[in-house]
Protein backbone atom coordinates (compact mmCIF):
# COMPACT_ATOMS: atom_id res chain seq x y z
CA TYR A 1 84.61 -50.70 -26.57
CA GLU A 2 85.97 -51.33 -23.12
CA TYR A 3 83.64 -51.88 -20.19
CA ASN A 4 84.37 -48.45 -18.75
CA ASP A 5 83.97 -46.62 -22.08
CA LEU A 6 80.56 -47.77 -23.39
CA PRO A 7 78.62 -45.42 -25.73
CA LYS A 8 75.10 -44.25 -25.01
CA LEU A 9 72.41 -46.25 -26.82
CA LYS A 10 69.29 -44.77 -28.41
CA LYS A 11 66.25 -46.30 -26.79
CA THR A 12 64.23 -45.89 -30.00
CA GLU A 13 66.51 -48.22 -31.96
CA LYS A 14 67.29 -51.93 -31.73
CA HIS A 15 70.88 -52.95 -31.00
CA ASP A 16 72.92 -56.16 -31.17
CA ILE A 17 75.41 -56.27 -28.31
CA ASP A 18 78.25 -58.82 -28.25
CA VAL A 19 80.19 -59.23 -25.02
CA VAL A 20 83.67 -60.79 -25.16
CA ILE A 21 83.97 -63.16 -22.21
CA ASP A 22 87.41 -64.68 -22.87
CA ARG A 23 90.21 -65.10 -25.41
CA LEU A 24 92.28 -68.25 -25.40
CA ARG A 25 94.20 -70.72 -27.49
CA ALA A 26 92.73 -74.21 -27.90
CA ARG A 27 95.06 -76.42 -25.85
CA PRO A 28 94.36 -79.56 -23.78
CA ASP A 29 95.11 -77.73 -20.54
CA MET A 30 92.49 -75.06 -21.33
CA GLN A 31 89.42 -77.30 -21.05
CA GLN A 32 88.43 -76.15 -17.56
CA ARG A 33 88.85 -72.47 -18.43
CA LEU A 34 86.90 -72.93 -21.69
CA ALA A 35 84.01 -74.59 -19.82
CA GLU A 36 83.84 -71.83 -17.20
CA SER A 37 83.97 -69.06 -19.83
CA PHE A 38 81.31 -70.76 -21.93
CA GLU A 39 78.96 -71.13 -18.95
CA ALA A 40 79.46 -67.44 -18.14
CA ALA A 41 78.57 -66.51 -21.72
CA LEU A 42 75.39 -68.63 -21.59
CA ARG A 43 74.31 -67.03 -18.30
CA LEU A 44 74.88 -63.52 -19.60
CA ALA A 45 73.13 -63.97 -22.97
CA GLU A 46 70.20 -66.09 -21.77
CA GLY A 47 71.45 -69.37 -23.17
CA ARG A 48 73.17 -68.07 -26.33
CA ALA A 49 76.91 -67.95 -27.09
CA ILE A 50 79.27 -67.49 -30.04
CA ALA A 51 82.65 -69.19 -30.41
CA LEU A 52 84.83 -67.22 -32.85
CA GLU A 53 87.77 -68.88 -34.61
CA LEU A 54 90.59 -66.49 -35.47
CA PRO A 55 92.95 -68.35 -37.84
CA SER A 56 95.89 -66.37 -39.15
CA ASP A 57 95.54 -67.45 -42.79
CA SER A 58 91.78 -67.08 -43.36
CA GLU A 59 88.70 -65.14 -42.29
CA ALA A 60 87.17 -65.52 -38.84
CA LYS A 61 84.51 -68.24 -38.51
CA GLU A 62 81.57 -68.04 -36.11
CA HIS A 63 79.99 -71.02 -34.31
CA LEU A 64 76.56 -70.26 -32.79
CA PHE A 65 75.31 -72.24 -29.78
CA ASN A 66 72.05 -72.23 -27.83
CA ALA A 67 71.39 -74.00 -24.54
CA LYS A 68 67.61 -73.90 -24.99
CA PHE A 69 65.19 -75.34 -27.60
CA ALA A 70 66.15 -72.71 -30.14
CA CYS A 71 67.84 -72.30 -33.48
CA PRO A 72 71.13 -70.41 -33.03
CA ILE A 73 70.94 -69.02 -36.58
CA CYS A 74 67.41 -67.61 -36.85
CA HIS A 75 66.86 -67.53 -33.05
CA TYR A 76 63.50 -69.31 -33.35
CA SER A 77 62.93 -70.74 -29.88
CA LEU A 78 60.61 -73.32 -28.30
CA ALA A 79 59.27 -73.58 -24.82
CA GLU A 80 60.31 -76.61 -22.82
CA LEU A 81 58.59 -79.71 -24.18
CA GLU A 82 55.84 -80.87 -21.83
CA PRO A 83 52.68 -83.02 -22.23
CA ARG A 84 50.27 -80.10 -22.57
CA LEU A 85 52.15 -78.92 -25.68
CA PHE A 86 50.65 -81.92 -27.51
CA SER A 87 47.07 -81.37 -26.29
CA PHE A 88 44.71 -79.32 -28.45
CA ASN A 89 42.51 -78.85 -25.37
CA SER A 90 45.24 -76.72 -23.78
CA PRO A 91 46.04 -73.14 -24.92
CA VAL A 92 49.71 -74.16 -24.81
CA GLY A 93 49.27 -76.80 -27.53
CA ALA A 94 46.19 -75.66 -29.48
CA CYS A 95 46.58 -74.10 -32.92
CA PRO A 96 46.17 -70.32 -32.42
CA SER A 97 44.32 -69.91 -35.73
CA CYS A 98 41.47 -72.37 -35.08
CA ASP A 99 41.74 -72.59 -31.25
CA GLY A 100 42.32 -76.33 -31.47
CA LEU A 101 39.13 -77.11 -33.40
CA GLY A 102 40.94 -78.21 -36.56
CA HIS A 103 38.53 -76.44 -38.92
CA ARG A 104 37.40 -72.93 -39.78
CA GLU A 105 34.27 -71.49 -41.30
CA PHE A 106 34.57 -69.70 -44.63
CA PHE A 107 32.31 -68.38 -47.37
CA ASP A 108 32.12 -71.23 -49.86
CA PRO A 109 32.13 -70.09 -53.53
CA ALA A 110 30.01 -73.15 -54.41
CA ARG A 111 27.28 -71.89 -52.03
CA VAL A 112 27.68 -68.23 -52.93
CA VAL A 113 27.21 -69.03 -56.63
CA ALA A 114 24.14 -71.21 -56.02
CA PHE A 115 23.02 -71.28 -59.68
CA PRO A 116 26.12 -71.13 -61.94
CA SER A 117 24.03 -71.91 -65.03
CA LEU A 118 22.24 -68.55 -64.60
CA SER A 119 23.68 -65.13 -65.33
CA LEU A 120 24.59 -62.56 -62.72
CA ALA A 121 21.59 -60.51 -63.82
CA SER A 122 19.22 -63.50 -63.52
CA GLY A 123 20.26 -64.54 -60.01
CA ALA A 124 23.38 -66.70 -60.13
CA ILE A 125 24.29 -65.07 -56.80
CA LYS A 126 21.39 -64.33 -54.48
CA GLY A 127 21.17 -60.68 -53.48
CA TRP A 128 23.35 -59.42 -56.34
CA ASP A 129 20.86 -59.62 -59.22
CA ARG A 130 18.62 -57.01 -60.84
CA ARG A 131 16.30 -56.97 -57.81
CA ASN A 132 19.05 -55.33 -55.71
CA GLY A 133 19.83 -52.09 -57.47
CA TYR A 134 22.87 -51.05 -55.41
CA TYR A 135 24.86 -54.27 -55.71
CA PHE A 136 23.76 -54.91 -59.29
CA SER A 137 24.98 -51.45 -60.38
CA MET A 138 28.39 -52.37 -58.97
CA LEU A 139 28.41 -55.60 -61.00
CA GLU A 140 27.43 -53.62 -64.11
CA SER A 141 30.45 -51.38 -63.57
CA VAL A 142 32.68 -54.43 -63.12
CA ALA A 143 31.25 -55.97 -66.33
CA LYS A 144 31.87 -52.73 -68.23
CA HIS A 145 35.45 -52.54 -66.95
CA TYR A 146 36.35 -56.16 -67.78
CA LYS A 147 34.24 -56.14 -70.98
CA PHE A 148 32.05 -59.19 -70.35
CA ASN A 149 28.31 -59.73 -70.84
CA ILE A 150 26.47 -59.59 -67.52
CA ASP A 151 23.65 -61.65 -69.06
CA ALA A 152 25.98 -64.54 -69.86
CA PRO A 153 25.85 -67.65 -67.60
CA PHE A 154 28.30 -67.34 -64.73
CA GLU A 155 29.86 -70.73 -65.52
CA SER A 156 30.70 -69.56 -69.05
CA LEU A 157 32.90 -66.69 -67.78
CA ASP A 158 36.66 -67.11 -67.78
CA LEU A 159 38.22 -68.15 -64.48
CA PRO A 160 40.07 -64.80 -63.97
CA LEU A 161 36.74 -62.97 -64.37
CA GLN A 162 35.03 -65.28 -61.88
CA ASN A 163 37.85 -64.69 -59.38
CA ALA A 164 37.59 -60.92 -59.83
CA ILE A 165 33.84 -61.02 -59.20
CA LEU A 166 34.09 -63.27 -56.16
CA HIS A 167 37.36 -62.11 -54.58
CA GLY A 168 37.78 -58.55 -55.83
CA SER A 169 39.99 -56.69 -58.28
CA GLY A 170 42.95 -56.27 -55.92
CA ASP A 171 44.74 -52.96 -56.49
CA GLU A 172 43.12 -52.41 -59.89
CA GLU A 173 40.74 -49.44 -59.75
CA ILE A 174 37.33 -49.58 -61.42
CA LYS A 175 35.01 -46.69 -62.29
CA PHE A 176 31.72 -47.00 -60.37
CA SER A 177 28.55 -44.93 -60.76
CA TYR A 178 26.25 -44.46 -57.75
CA THR A 179 22.77 -42.96 -57.57
CA MET A 180 21.96 -41.02 -54.42
CA GLU A 181 18.76 -42.44 -52.89
CA SER A 182 18.09 -39.86 -50.15
CA GLY A 183 18.97 -36.38 -49.00
CA GLN A 184 19.13 -33.16 -50.99
CA GLN A 185 21.04 -34.86 -53.81
CA ALA A 186 18.55 -37.74 -54.19
CA GLY A 187 18.55 -39.04 -57.76
CA LYS A 188 21.93 -37.49 -58.57
CA LYS A 189 24.61 -39.79 -59.98
CA LEU A 190 28.12 -39.85 -58.56
CA THR A 191 31.21 -41.41 -60.12
CA ARG A 192 34.07 -42.85 -58.06
CA LYS A 193 37.14 -44.89 -58.94
CA HIS A 194 38.29 -47.51 -56.45
CA PRO A 195 39.12 -51.25 -56.34
CA PHE A 196 36.19 -53.67 -56.33
CA GLU A 197 35.89 -55.31 -52.91
CA GLY A 198 34.61 -58.66 -54.20
CA ILE A 199 31.42 -60.50 -53.27
CA ILE A 200 33.02 -62.93 -50.79
CA PRO A 201 35.10 -60.24 -48.97
CA ASN A 202 31.92 -58.12 -48.87
CA MET A 203 29.99 -60.96 -47.22
CA SER A 204 32.85 -61.63 -44.79
CA ARG A 205 32.98 -57.97 -43.74
CA ARG A 206 29.21 -57.74 -43.29
CA TYR A 207 29.15 -60.99 -41.30
CA ARG A 208 31.93 -59.70 -39.06
CA GLU A 209 30.60 -56.17 -38.51
CA THR A 210 26.82 -56.60 -38.37
CA ASP A 211 24.86 -56.58 -35.11
CA SER A 212 21.72 -57.98 -36.77
CA VAL A 213 20.88 -61.60 -36.01
CA LEU A 214 18.83 -61.84 -39.21
CA VAL A 215 21.74 -60.67 -41.38
CA ARG A 216 24.11 -63.14 -39.74
CA GLU A 217 21.64 -66.01 -40.23
CA GLU A 218 21.15 -65.04 -43.87
CA LEU A 219 24.91 -64.89 -44.54
CA ALA A 220 25.57 -68.09 -42.55
CA ARG A 221 23.79 -70.03 -45.31
CA PHE A 222 26.77 -69.32 -47.59
CA ARG A 223 29.39 -70.52 -45.08
CA ASN A 224 31.01 -73.91 -44.96
CA MET A 225 33.66 -75.77 -43.00
CA GLN A 226 37.20 -76.38 -44.18
CA PRO A 227 40.32 -77.76 -42.46
CA CYS A 228 42.34 -75.05 -40.77
CA PRO A 229 44.86 -73.78 -43.38
CA ASP A 230 47.55 -73.26 -40.72
CA CYS A 231 47.47 -76.62 -38.90
CA GLY A 232 45.90 -78.70 -41.71
CA GLY A 233 43.24 -80.07 -39.37
CA THR A 234 45.78 -81.47 -36.86
CA ARG A 235 44.52 -78.95 -34.22
CA LEU A 236 48.06 -78.47 -32.83
CA ARG A 237 50.36 -75.47 -32.96
CA ARG A 238 53.47 -75.40 -35.12
CA GLU A 239 55.89 -76.39 -32.34
CA ALA A 240 53.98 -79.60 -31.51
CA ARG A 241 53.69 -80.58 -35.18
CA ASN A 242 57.46 -80.53 -35.57
CA VAL A 243 58.31 -82.91 -32.74
CA PHE A 244 59.21 -86.31 -34.19
CA LEU A 245 59.25 -89.82 -32.78
CA VAL A 246 62.39 -91.49 -34.13
CA SER A 247 62.37 -95.27 -34.48
CA GLN A 248 65.69 -97.01 -35.09
CA PRO A 249 65.79 -99.56 -37.95
CA THR A 250 65.68 -103.17 -36.88
CA GLU A 251 68.79 -105.29 -37.16
CA GLY A 252 69.13 -107.01 -40.48
CA ASP A 253 66.85 -104.54 -42.28
CA SER A 254 68.91 -103.62 -45.33
CA ASN A 255 66.27 -101.27 -46.77
CA ALA A 256 66.19 -98.92 -43.76
CA SER A 257 69.33 -96.77 -43.97
CA GLU A 258 68.09 -93.98 -41.69
CA PRO A 259 65.86 -93.92 -38.60
CA ALA A 260 62.13 -93.48 -39.33
CA ARG A 261 60.93 -90.01 -38.26
CA THR A 262 57.19 -89.73 -37.58
CA PRO A 263 55.44 -86.59 -36.26
CA ILE A 264 53.55 -87.46 -33.09
CA PHE A 265 50.22 -86.12 -34.43
CA GLU A 266 50.36 -88.46 -37.47
CA ILE A 267 50.26 -91.52 -35.19
CA SER A 268 46.79 -90.49 -33.98
CA HIS A 269 45.54 -90.22 -37.59
CA VAL A 270 46.04 -93.91 -38.51
CA THR A 271 43.71 -96.73 -37.50
CA LEU A 272 44.10 -98.45 -34.14
CA ARG A 273 45.31 -101.58 -35.94
CA GLU A 274 48.14 -99.65 -37.63
CA CYS A 275 48.87 -97.73 -34.44
CA LEU A 276 49.30 -100.95 -32.47
CA ALA A 277 51.60 -102.36 -35.15
CA TYR A 278 53.69 -99.16 -35.03
CA PHE A 279 54.30 -99.33 -31.28
CA GLN A 280 55.00 -103.06 -31.44
CA THR A 281 57.83 -102.37 -33.91
CA LEU A 282 59.06 -99.11 -32.30
CA LYS A 283 62.77 -99.39 -31.51
CA LEU A 284 64.53 -96.84 -29.33
CA ARG A 285 68.16 -96.92 -28.28
CA GLY A 286 70.21 -95.89 -25.29
CA SER A 287 68.71 -93.88 -22.48
CA LYS A 288 65.61 -93.08 -24.56
CA ALA A 289 64.71 -96.80 -24.63
CA ASP A 290 65.06 -97.06 -20.85
CA ILE A 291 62.93 -93.93 -20.25
CA ALA A 292 60.18 -94.90 -22.67
CA ASP A 293 60.07 -98.64 -21.93
CA LYS A 294 57.18 -98.62 -19.44
CA ILE A 295 55.30 -95.90 -21.35
CA VAL A 296 55.48 -97.73 -24.68
CA ARG A 297 54.42 -100.98 -23.00
CA GLU A 298 51.38 -99.27 -21.43
CA ILE A 299 50.45 -97.66 -24.77
CA GLY A 300 50.67 -101.05 -26.47
CA LEU A 301 48.42 -102.67 -23.85
CA ARG A 302 45.74 -100.02 -24.14
CA LEU A 303 45.81 -100.18 -27.93
CA LYS A 304 45.50 -103.95 -27.72
CA PHE A 305 42.40 -103.61 -25.52
CA LEU A 306 40.79 -101.27 -28.06
CA ASN A 307 41.60 -103.69 -30.88
CA ASP A 308 40.29 -106.65 -28.91
CA VAL A 309 36.83 -105.11 -28.51
CA GLY A 310 36.50 -104.70 -32.30
CA LEU A 311 37.51 -101.04 -32.71
CA ASN A 312 40.59 -101.61 -34.86
CA TYR A 313 39.09 -99.54 -37.70
CA LEU A 314 38.79 -96.34 -35.62
CA SER A 315 41.53 -93.71 -35.28
CA LEU A 316 42.57 -92.07 -32.03
CA ASP A 317 41.54 -88.62 -33.29
CA ARG A 318 38.00 -89.71 -34.22
CA SER A 319 35.47 -87.20 -32.88
CA ALA A 320 33.41 -88.61 -30.01
CA GLU A 321 30.16 -87.22 -31.44
CA THR A 322 30.57 -89.38 -34.58
CA LEU A 323 30.76 -92.64 -32.61
CA SER A 324 27.78 -94.97 -32.54
CA GLY A 325 26.27 -96.20 -29.27
CA GLY A 326 27.96 -99.58 -29.60
CA GLU A 327 31.35 -98.02 -30.34
CA SER A 328 31.13 -95.71 -27.32
CA GLN A 329 30.20 -98.67 -25.10
CA ARG A 330 33.13 -100.73 -26.37
CA ILE A 331 35.54 -97.84 -25.72
CA ARG A 332 34.30 -97.67 -22.12
CA LEU A 333 34.70 -101.46 -21.94
CA ALA A 334 38.32 -101.20 -23.14
CA SER A 335 39.08 -98.59 -20.46
CA GLN A 336 37.68 -100.94 -17.81
CA ILE A 337 39.85 -103.81 -19.03
CA GLY A 338 42.89 -101.59 -18.65
CA SER A 339 42.00 -100.77 -15.05
CA GLY A 340 42.50 -104.40 -14.00
CA LEU A 341 39.80 -104.29 -11.30
CA THR A 342 38.44 -107.47 -9.72
CA GLY A 343 35.23 -108.23 -7.81
CA VAL A 344 33.24 -105.82 -9.98
CA MET A 345 29.82 -106.37 -11.59
CA TYR A 346 29.82 -105.10 -15.19
CA VAL A 347 26.45 -104.44 -16.89
CA LEU A 348 26.46 -104.07 -20.69
CA ASP A 349 23.47 -103.23 -22.89
CA GLU A 350 23.84 -104.80 -26.34
CA PRO A 351 27.59 -104.19 -26.83
CA SER A 352 27.51 -105.93 -30.23
CA ILE A 353 25.40 -103.17 -31.86
CA GLY A 354 27.03 -102.23 -35.15
CA LEU A 355 29.60 -105.01 -34.85
CA HIS A 356 30.10 -107.49 -37.69
CA GLN A 357 29.98 -111.21 -36.90
CA ARG A 358 33.68 -111.42 -37.75
CA ASP A 359 34.53 -109.17 -34.81
CA ASN A 360 32.17 -110.86 -32.34
CA ASP A 361 34.75 -113.44 -31.23
CA ARG A 362 37.17 -110.77 -30.04
CA LEU A 363 34.44 -108.97 -28.09
CA ILE A 364 33.33 -112.23 -26.45
CA SER A 365 36.95 -113.08 -25.60
CA THR A 366 37.28 -109.68 -23.91
CA LEU A 367 34.17 -110.29 -21.80
CA LYS A 368 35.47 -113.74 -20.84
CA HIS A 369 38.76 -112.11 -19.80
CA LEU A 370 36.83 -109.82 -17.44
CA ARG A 371 35.12 -112.90 -16.00
CA ASN A 372 38.37 -114.85 -15.66
CA ILE A 373 40.11 -112.17 -13.57
CA GLY A 374 37.32 -112.31 -10.99
CA ASN A 375 34.41 -110.14 -12.17
CA SER A 376 30.72 -110.73 -12.88
CA VAL A 377 29.53 -109.75 -16.36
CA ILE A 378 25.81 -109.26 -17.14
CA VAL A 379 24.94 -108.64 -20.80
CA VAL A 380 21.56 -107.67 -22.29
CA GLU A 381 21.88 -109.11 -25.77
CA HIS A 382 20.04 -110.76 -28.71
CA ASP A 383 23.16 -111.99 -30.54
CA GLU A 384 23.26 -115.79 -30.88
CA ASP A 385 27.06 -116.00 -30.51
CA MET A 386 26.87 -114.07 -27.23
CA ILE A 387 24.08 -116.35 -25.96
CA GLN A 388 26.11 -119.46 -26.85
CA ALA A 389 29.20 -118.10 -25.04
CA ALA A 390 27.29 -117.26 -21.83
CA ASP A 391 27.66 -119.50 -18.79
CA HIS A 392 24.08 -118.77 -17.75
CA VAL A 393 21.14 -117.53 -19.88
CA ILE A 394 17.95 -115.85 -18.63
CA ASP A 395 15.13 -115.52 -21.19
CA MET A 396 12.40 -112.93 -20.55
CA GLY A 397 8.97 -112.98 -22.17
CA PRO A 398 6.68 -114.15 -23.53
CA GLY A 399 5.86 -110.86 -25.32
CA ALA A 400 6.51 -107.14 -25.00
CA GLY A 401 4.99 -104.52 -22.70
CA VAL A 402 2.01 -105.82 -20.69
CA HIS A 403 2.48 -109.21 -22.33
CA GLY A 404 5.98 -109.65 -20.92
CA GLY A 405 7.71 -109.32 -17.59
CA ARG A 406 8.18 -113.04 -16.81
CA VAL A 407 11.18 -115.34 -16.80
CA MET A 408 10.42 -117.96 -19.45
CA ALA A 409 13.60 -120.02 -19.13
CA GLU A 410 17.01 -119.95 -17.50
CA GLY A 411 20.04 -122.16 -17.37
CA THR A 412 22.71 -123.11 -19.87
CA TYR A 413 22.41 -122.55 -23.61
CA ALA A 414 21.31 -126.15 -24.14
CA GLU A 415 18.68 -125.95 -21.37
CA VAL A 416 17.12 -122.77 -22.76
CA ALA A 417 17.14 -124.18 -26.31
CA ALA A 418 15.33 -127.31 -25.08
CA ASN A 419 12.64 -125.36 -23.19
CA PRO A 420 9.42 -125.31 -25.30
CA ALA A 421 8.01 -122.34 -23.32
CA SER A 422 10.85 -120.08 -24.49
CA LEU A 423 10.36 -118.33 -27.81
CA THR A 424 14.10 -117.61 -27.91
CA GLY A 425 14.80 -121.29 -27.23
CA GLN A 426 12.58 -122.34 -30.15
CA TYR A 427 14.65 -120.21 -32.53
CA LEU A 428 17.93 -121.43 -30.98
CA SER A 429 16.90 -125.08 -31.41
CA GLY A 430 15.67 -124.58 -34.96
CA VAL A 431 12.00 -125.35 -34.21
CA LYS A 432 11.21 -121.88 -35.51
CA LYS A 433 13.22 -119.99 -38.08
CA ILE A 434 12.99 -117.03 -40.42
CA GLU A 435 12.27 -118.35 -43.89
CA VAL A 436 14.35 -117.03 -46.77
CA PRO A 437 12.05 -115.60 -49.48
CA LYS A 438 11.75 -117.90 -52.48
CA HIS A 439 11.07 -115.04 -54.87
CA ARG A 440 12.83 -111.68 -55.01
CA THR A 441 11.27 -108.47 -56.36
CA ALA A 442 12.80 -107.62 -59.72
CA TRP A 443 14.37 -104.26 -60.51
CA LEU A 444 11.94 -101.79 -62.05
CA PRO A 445 12.58 -101.04 -65.72
CA VAL A 446 13.04 -97.47 -66.90
CA VAL A 447 9.86 -95.95 -68.31
CA ALA A 448 10.68 -94.03 -71.46
CA LYS A 449 9.70 -90.37 -71.25
CA PRO A 450 9.40 -88.00 -74.18
CA ALA A 451 11.98 -85.25 -74.41
CA PHE A 452 10.86 -81.84 -73.14
CA ASN A 453 10.48 -80.51 -76.72
CA GLU A 454 9.19 -83.73 -78.30
CA GLY A 455 5.83 -83.33 -80.06
CA LYS A 456 6.05 -79.56 -80.07
CA LYS A 457 5.79 -77.60 -83.25
CA ALA A 458 9.17 -76.52 -84.52
CA SER A 459 9.87 -72.88 -83.77
CA ARG A 460 10.69 -70.38 -86.50
CA PHE A 461 13.48 -69.03 -84.30
CA ALA A 462 16.77 -70.62 -83.39
CA PRO A 463 16.82 -72.20 -79.88
CA SER A 464 18.15 -69.96 -77.13
CA PRO A 465 21.52 -70.78 -75.52
CA ALA A 466 19.70 -71.88 -72.33
CA ALA A 467 17.45 -74.25 -74.32
CA ALA A 468 20.46 -75.67 -76.14
CA ARG A 469 22.28 -76.27 -72.86
CA ARG A 470 19.20 -77.96 -71.39
CA ALA A 471 18.85 -80.25 -74.42
CA ALA A 472 22.55 -81.15 -74.17
CA ARG A 473 22.24 -81.94 -70.46
CA GLU A 474 19.15 -84.10 -71.03
CA ALA A 475 20.83 -85.97 -73.89
CA ALA A 476 23.90 -86.65 -71.75
CA HIS A 477 21.70 -87.83 -68.88
CA LEU A 478 19.66 -90.19 -71.10
CA ALA A 479 22.87 -91.59 -72.58
CA SER A 480 24.18 -92.42 -69.09
CA GLN A 481 20.99 -94.18 -67.97
CA SER A 482 20.74 -97.96 -67.83
CA ASP A 483 17.64 -100.05 -68.57
CA LEU A 484 16.76 -100.31 -64.85
CA GLN A 485 15.62 -97.66 -62.38
CA GLU A 486 18.55 -96.97 -60.06
CA ILE A 487 20.33 -94.20 -58.23
CA ARG A 488 24.08 -94.39 -58.71
CA VAL A 489 26.96 -93.07 -56.65
CA LEU A 490 30.05 -92.53 -58.80
CA GLY A 491 33.63 -92.14 -57.60
CA ALA A 492 33.00 -91.93 -53.83
CA THR A 493 36.29 -91.33 -51.97
CA GLY A 494 35.14 -90.17 -48.50
CA ASN A 495 37.14 -91.46 -45.51
CA ASN A 496 38.36 -94.96 -46.47
CA LEU A 497 36.24 -95.43 -49.64
CA GLN A 498 38.44 -96.40 -52.58
CA ASN A 499 36.81 -94.62 -55.56
CA VAL A 500 33.57 -96.58 -55.08
CA SER A 501 30.86 -96.62 -57.76
CA VAL A 502 27.66 -98.46 -56.85
CA ALA A 503 23.99 -98.56 -57.91
CA PHE A 504 20.98 -98.71 -55.57
CA PRO A 505 17.72 -100.03 -57.14
CA VAL A 506 14.66 -97.77 -56.99
CA GLY A 507 11.57 -99.15 -55.22
CA LEU A 508 13.31 -102.12 -53.59
CA LEU A 509 14.67 -102.94 -50.12
CA THR A 510 18.46 -102.71 -50.27
CA CYS A 511 20.76 -103.84 -47.44
CA VAL A 512 24.31 -102.45 -47.25
CA THR A 513 26.44 -104.78 -45.15
CA GLY A 514 30.12 -105.43 -44.45
CA VAL A 515 32.64 -105.65 -41.64
CA SER A 516 32.85 -102.86 -39.08
CA GLY A 517 34.68 -99.83 -40.45
CA SER A 518 34.44 -100.89 -44.10
CA GLY A 519 32.74 -97.63 -45.14
CA LYS A 520 29.02 -98.44 -45.03
CA SER A 521 27.98 -95.28 -43.15
CA THR A 522 30.33 -93.13 -45.22
CA LEU A 523 28.78 -94.42 -48.45
CA VAL A 524 25.11 -94.26 -47.44
CA ASN A 525 24.86 -91.47 -44.85
CA ASP A 526 27.79 -89.17 -45.60
CA THR A 527 27.74 -89.47 -49.40
CA LEU A 528 24.37 -90.60 -50.80
CA TYR A 529 21.99 -89.04 -48.26
CA ALA A 530 23.94 -85.80 -47.88
CA ALA A 531 24.23 -85.31 -51.67
CA VAL A 532 20.53 -86.02 -52.34
CA ALA A 533 19.43 -83.76 -49.45
CA ARG A 534 21.61 -80.97 -50.78
CA THR A 535 20.12 -81.34 -54.26
CA LEU A 536 16.48 -81.62 -53.18
CA TYR A 537 16.45 -79.31 -50.15
CA ARG A 538 19.56 -77.12 -50.66
CA ALA A 539 20.80 -78.56 -47.33
CA HIS A 540 23.94 -77.04 -45.85
CA GLU A 541 25.66 -80.30 -44.95
CA GLU A 542 28.61 -81.00 -47.24
CA PRO A 543 28.56 -84.56 -48.70
CA ALA A 544 31.68 -86.71 -48.64
CA PRO A 545 33.90 -86.42 -51.75
CA HIS A 546 32.44 -88.06 -54.84
CA GLU A 547 32.24 -87.47 -58.59
CA ALA A 548 28.47 -87.54 -59.20
CA ILE A 549 25.09 -88.89 -58.11
CA GLU A 550 22.86 -90.07 -60.97
CA GLY A 551 19.15 -90.93 -60.76
CA ILE A 552 18.01 -88.31 -58.23
CA GLU A 553 15.12 -87.48 -60.56
CA TYR A 554 13.33 -90.65 -59.34
CA PHE A 555 12.84 -89.03 -55.90
CA ASP A 556 11.20 -85.87 -54.62
CA LYS A 557 11.99 -86.41 -50.92
CA VAL A 558 14.71 -88.00 -48.82
CA ILE A 559 14.29 -88.78 -45.10
CA ASN A 560 17.03 -89.96 -42.77
CA VAL A 561 15.66 -92.17 -39.98
CA ASP A 562 18.51 -92.29 -37.45
CA GLN A 563 18.91 -92.95 -33.73
CA SER A 564 18.95 -89.31 -32.63
CA PRO A 565 16.46 -88.27 -29.91
CA ILE A 566 12.97 -87.59 -31.27
CA GLY A 567 12.38 -84.47 -29.18
CA ARG A 568 14.30 -81.39 -28.18
CA THR A 569 12.45 -80.81 -24.90
CA PRO A 570 11.43 -83.04 -21.96
CA ARG A 571 7.77 -82.46 -22.98
CA SER A 572 8.19 -84.43 -26.22
CA ASN A 573 6.81 -87.96 -26.41
CA PRO A 574 5.82 -90.39 -29.18
CA ALA A 575 2.28 -88.90 -29.32
CA THR A 576 3.52 -85.35 -29.97
CA TYR A 577 6.30 -86.46 -32.32
CA THR A 578 4.05 -88.57 -34.58
CA GLY A 579 1.25 -85.95 -34.61
CA LEU A 580 -1.20 -88.32 -32.91
CA PHE A 581 -1.69 -85.84 -30.05
CA THR A 582 -3.33 -83.28 -32.37
CA PRO A 583 -6.50 -85.32 -33.17
CA ILE A 584 -6.60 -86.57 -29.56
């Protein structure tokens, strides 16, 4: 069509309109005209243009171009790259599915089917057994349709049947019978054919639609956390996840044929030690190297500060609420080192908490660096290495509370150690010391217990399937037991644990030690405690990945004594928390 003879377009339909800007032959003297025509095409089509080859001996060939961050073929476009695109705290960069949280709540089948060894009729799923007539009648109809025994243990059902019960029958219609409970037709049975909704979709719908706080609290017990399926826990939207940092191979590296492409979000997942090594070996070329030179150098310095204070095992995306008090203090210390201030008095309260002796030297070196650039550093500390490194030591005492409040000794390390009035000095000089026990308490042997049916008169009837399963479970458990009382963690793989299997003796004092970040808290708190609490108390907290916990039968309670505040209100105090206030 010519410009003056355009047809009318229907506003209810979508149209593709191509505008011919110029026709020319590709010759060296046409470069200026080609550039002007191409710029006109980009302005008219909002950054898009097509160059069409018209050879005489073959079909026309199209070349698509786009001046923006967009694909010229599928027209998928990106906004201009800016820092907030890579921040999950900004709506521009946050994953739209999880709002930048990185996880989503869902109804966990493992919590919904709380007792898989029971049948649906006996209470494998709370609220859907014989005590709830409406829901149980639906399950009876489902059992009749799929021809399975509703009194059979849920775990014995085939996987397709379990999926149909939990997630619904899809488009397959099932015949249901309902009994009217009220109205003029009370007691009358009605028959309807429709797909089965599924137990988990039913719970999700009720949780979403209900206005009752009690119903939501009841259903919340079946919910669990999982990484966001769209962003995979990275918390960033799709555009940010597909921006890569390209490092050129180093000269002389014969194995690296292509530049290394790393998504920016993956760099924050690795440990600070690996992150520092990455930026130390990052090679950019051309104008990119000039632009990024100062930025990369600053990133390297800040990562070095974090490594120097003993945090090389942490990752940049570690949640702040999971950090210990010592780790939080050392992060603040690293930020102060980066500021480069002088003439400042720094006060630190036991910065070595949770730090292994191996990492103490780096922390002390960092504090000395603060001193050397012209600052005063005051540390409240019990650590012997820190006391030895101090230029001046002040020892308070002699006791605690009303028995303290005096300066017992001050001066250099040697002067405090030589002062007989200082209790700390007596331990530093070796006059007093903690004696190592000469005898250790032995592991408790296993006390043999009779089997649950031992000594009973043999029954005339064959054992029930439930009794047979119980006998098989008890036999397998007894076969796995050792001669000593112990609780065993098998195949723990949470965080950085490498398929760890370890035994903890029952009735003894066990110390779990190791360098900072080696997995102590993951093994004891996240795996052992969480799994035992879930077994004994049906706790909601999900334990870290592991194969099994054996020996829980030795315990009837588990208590986690942590450093969280003892009270939820300002009125709480040690007397109210311990119960002492009641008899007072």
